[in-house]
Amino acid sequence: MGAWAQGQTINVPNGNVSALVTAIKTLNAGGGGAIDLANGGTYTVTAASDWWYGPNAFPAIASPITINGNGATIQGPLGAPNFRVFFV
């Protein structure tokens, strides 16, 4: 867990974008924590889930959250609408 993260750690299964959205919302509400992405996983975002200062792939990060990527990739499919991945 990163130096700034506190609270719980949430493991997000490979490819489960909705679980990543939920993890961010949960940690924001709980004051922070850490998210572990699947080792070498791929998360394909097809639409924005938040519109804070424009379309964002994920909810705005409003608390100390560490995202441990573990070699995972967050991507959008070809031809997807433009959106920001993270707003911090």
C-alpha atoms as a PDB file:
ATOM      1  CA  MET A   1       0.000   0.000   0.000  1.00  0.00           C
ATOM      2  CA  GLY A   2       1.323   3.460  -0.889  1.00  0.00           C
ATOM      3  CA  ALA A   3       2.524   5.959   1.687  1.00  0.00           C
ATOM      4  CA  TRP A   4      -0.560   8.157   1.259  1.00  0.00           C
ATOM      5  CA  ALA A   5      -3.193   5.439   1.143  1.00  0.00           C
ATOM      6  CA  GLN A   6      -5.058   4.556   4.294  1.00  0.00           C
ATOM      7  CA  GLY A   7      -7.931   2.252   5.008  1.00  0.00           C
ATOM      8  CA  GLN A   8      -8.803  -0.803   3.010  1.00  0.00           C
ATOM      9  CA  THR A   9      -7.314  -2.384  -0.087  1.00  0.00           C
ATOM     10  CA  ILE A  10      -9.710  -3.432  -2.840  1.00  0.00           C
ATOM     11  CA  ASN A  11      -8.710  -6.062  -5.408  1.00  0.00           C
ATOM     12  CA  VAL A  12     -10.278  -5.472  -8.836  1.00  0.00           C
ATOM     13  CA  PRO A  13     -10.645  -8.581 -11.023  1.00  0.00           C
ATOM     14  CA  ASN A  14      -9.154  -8.562 -14.517  1.00  0.00           C
ATOM     15  CA  GLY A  15     -11.304  -6.636 -16.977  1.00  0.00           C
ATOM     16  CA  ASN A  16     -13.941  -5.590 -14.448  1.00  0.00           C
ATOM     17  CA  VAL A  17     -14.264  -1.857 -15.185  1.00  0.00           C
ATOM     18  CA  SER A  18     -17.456  -1.500 -13.137  1.00  0.00           C
ATOM     19  CA  ALA A  19     -15.640  -2.948 -10.093  1.00  0.00           C
ATOM     20  CA  LEU A  20     -12.888  -0.348 -10.571  1.00  0.00           C
ATOM     21  CA  VAL A  21     -15.526   2.426 -10.663  1.00  0.00           C
ATOM     22  CA  THR A  22     -17.091   1.024  -7.488  1.00  0.00           C
ATOM     23  CA  ALA A  23     -13.688   0.730  -5.778  1.00  0.00           C
ATOM     24  CA  ILE A  24     -12.924   4.399  -6.411  1.00  0.00           C
ATOM     25  CA  LYS A  25     -16.344   5.465  -5.100  1.00  0.00           C
ATOM     26  CA  THR A  26     -15.964   3.239  -2.027  1.00  0.00           C
ATOM     27  CA  LEU A  27     -12.499   4.551  -1.165  1.00  0.00           C
ATOM     28  CA  ASN A  28     -13.519   8.174  -1.758  1.00  0.00           C
ATOM     29  CA  ALA A  29     -16.396   7.696   0.689  1.00  0.00           C
ATOM     30  CA  GLY A  30     -14.128   5.969   3.235  1.00  0.00           C
ATOM     31  CA  GLY A  31     -11.319   8.533   3.210  1.00  0.00           C
ATOM     32  CA  GLY A  32      -8.895   6.644   0.957  1.00  0.00           C
ATOM     33  CA  GLY A  33      -7.131   3.341   0.575  1.00  0.00           C
ATOM     34  CA  ALA A  34      -5.578   1.269  -2.162  1.00  0.00           C
ATOM     35  CA  ILE A  35      -6.715  -0.498  -5.302  1.00  0.00           C
ATOM     36  CA  ASP A  36      -4.889  -3.553  -6.625  1.00  0.00           C
ATOM     37  CA  LEU A  37      -5.423  -4.225 -10.322  1.00  0.00           C
ATOM     38  CA  ALA A  38      -4.985  -7.782 -11.634  1.00  0.00           C
ATOM     39  CA  ASN A  39      -1.417  -8.768 -12.536  1.00  0.00           C
ATOM     40  CA  GLY A  40      -1.040  -8.043 -16.246  1.00  0.00           C
ATOM     41  CA  GLY A  41      -4.778  -7.403 -16.525  1.00  0.00           C
ATOM     42  CA  THR A  42      -6.585  -5.365 -19.168  1.00  0.00           C
ATOM     43  CA  TYR A  43      -9.415  -2.950 -18.378  1.00  0.00           C
ATOM     44  CA  THR A  44     -11.219  -1.658 -21.481  1.00  0.00           C
ATOM     45  CA  VAL A  45     -13.302   1.451 -20.828  1.00  0.00           C
ATOM     46  CA  THR A  46     -16.058   2.009 -23.394  1.00  0.00           C
ATOM     47  CA  ALA A  47     -17.851   5.043 -21.917  1.00  0.00           C
ATOM     48  CA  ALA A  48     -17.411   7.802 -19.379  1.00  0.00           C
ATOM     49  CA  SER A  49     -18.706   7.116 -15.876  1.00  0.00           C
ATOM     50  CA  ASP A  50     -18.285  10.645 -14.492  1.00  0.00           C
ATOM     51  CA  TRP A  51     -18.618  14.164 -15.913  1.00  0.00           C
ATOM     52  CA  TRP A  52     -16.613  16.287 -13.450  1.00  0.00           C
ATOM     53  CA  TYR A  53     -15.112  19.024 -15.682  1.00  0.00           C
ATOM     54  CA  GLY A  54     -15.703  16.885 -18.751  1.00  0.00           C
ATOM     55  CA  PRO A  55     -16.133  13.182 -19.418  1.00  0.00           C
ATOM     56  CA  ASN A  56     -13.993  10.898 -17.267  1.00  0.00           C
ATOM     57  CA  ALA A  57     -13.529   7.143 -17.537  1.00  0.00           C
ATOM     58  CA  PHE A  58     -13.669   6.859 -13.746  1.00  0.00           C
ATOM     59  CA  PRO A  59     -15.112   8.909 -10.865  1.00  0.00           C
ATOM     60  CA  ALA A  60     -13.047  11.893  -9.745  1.00  0.00           C
ATOM     61  CA  ILE A  61     -10.483  10.843  -7.148  1.00  0.00           C
ATOM     62  CA  ALA A  62     -11.173  12.996  -4.113  1.00  0.00           C
ATOM     63  CA  SER A  63      -9.261  11.169  -1.368  1.00  0.00           C
ATOM     64  CA  PRO A  64      -5.807   9.604  -0.974  1.00  0.00           C
ATOM     65  CA  ILE A  65      -6.032   6.543  -3.214  1.00  0.00           C
ATOM     66  CA  THR A  66      -3.082   4.461  -4.396  1.00  0.00           C
ATOM     67  CA  ILE A  67      -3.650   2.398  -7.527  1.00  0.00           C
ATOM     68  CA  ASN A  68      -1.235  -0.519  -7.735  1.00  0.00           C
ATOM     69  CA  GLY A  69      -1.182  -1.288 -11.448  1.00  0.00           C
ATOM     70  CA  ASN A  70       0.715  -4.584 -11.299  1.00  0.00           C
ATOM     71  CA  GLY A  71       1.466  -4.308 -15.023  1.00  0.00           C
ATOM     72  CA  ALA A  72      -2.205  -3.879 -15.947  1.00  0.00           C
ATOM     73  CA  THR A  73      -3.411  -1.785 -18.896  1.00  0.00           C
ATOM     74  CA  ILE A  74      -6.343   0.632 -18.871  1.00  0.00           C
ATOM     75  CA  GLN A  75      -7.448   1.320 -22.431  1.00  0.00           C
ATOM     76  CA  GLY A  76     -10.321   2.467 -24.603  1.00  0.00           C
ATOM     77  CA  PRO A  77     -11.386   0.640 -27.757  1.00  0.00           C
ATOM     78  CA  LEU A  78     -10.619   2.134 -31.165  1.00  0.00           C
ATOM     79  CA  GLY A  79     -13.258   4.674 -32.079  1.00  0.00           C
ATOM     80  CA  ALA A  80     -14.364   5.260 -28.475  1.00  0.00           C
ATOM     81  CA  PRO A  81     -15.402   8.808 -27.568  1.00  0.00           C
ATOM     82  CA  ASN A  82     -12.680  10.992 -26.055  1.00  0.00           C
ATOM     83  CA  PHE A  83     -12.604  11.082 -22.272  1.00  0.00           C
ATOM     84  CA  ARG A  84     -10.094  11.661 -19.491  1.00  0.00           C
ATOM     85  CA  VAL A  85      -8.978   8.507 -17.703  1.00  0.00           C
ATOM     86  CA  PHE A  86      -8.582   9.994 -14.194  1.00  0.00           C
ATOM     87  CA  PHE A  87      -9.477  13.375 -12.677  1.00  0.00           C
ATOM     88  CA  VAL A  88      -7.657  13.930  -9.404  1.00  0.00           C
END
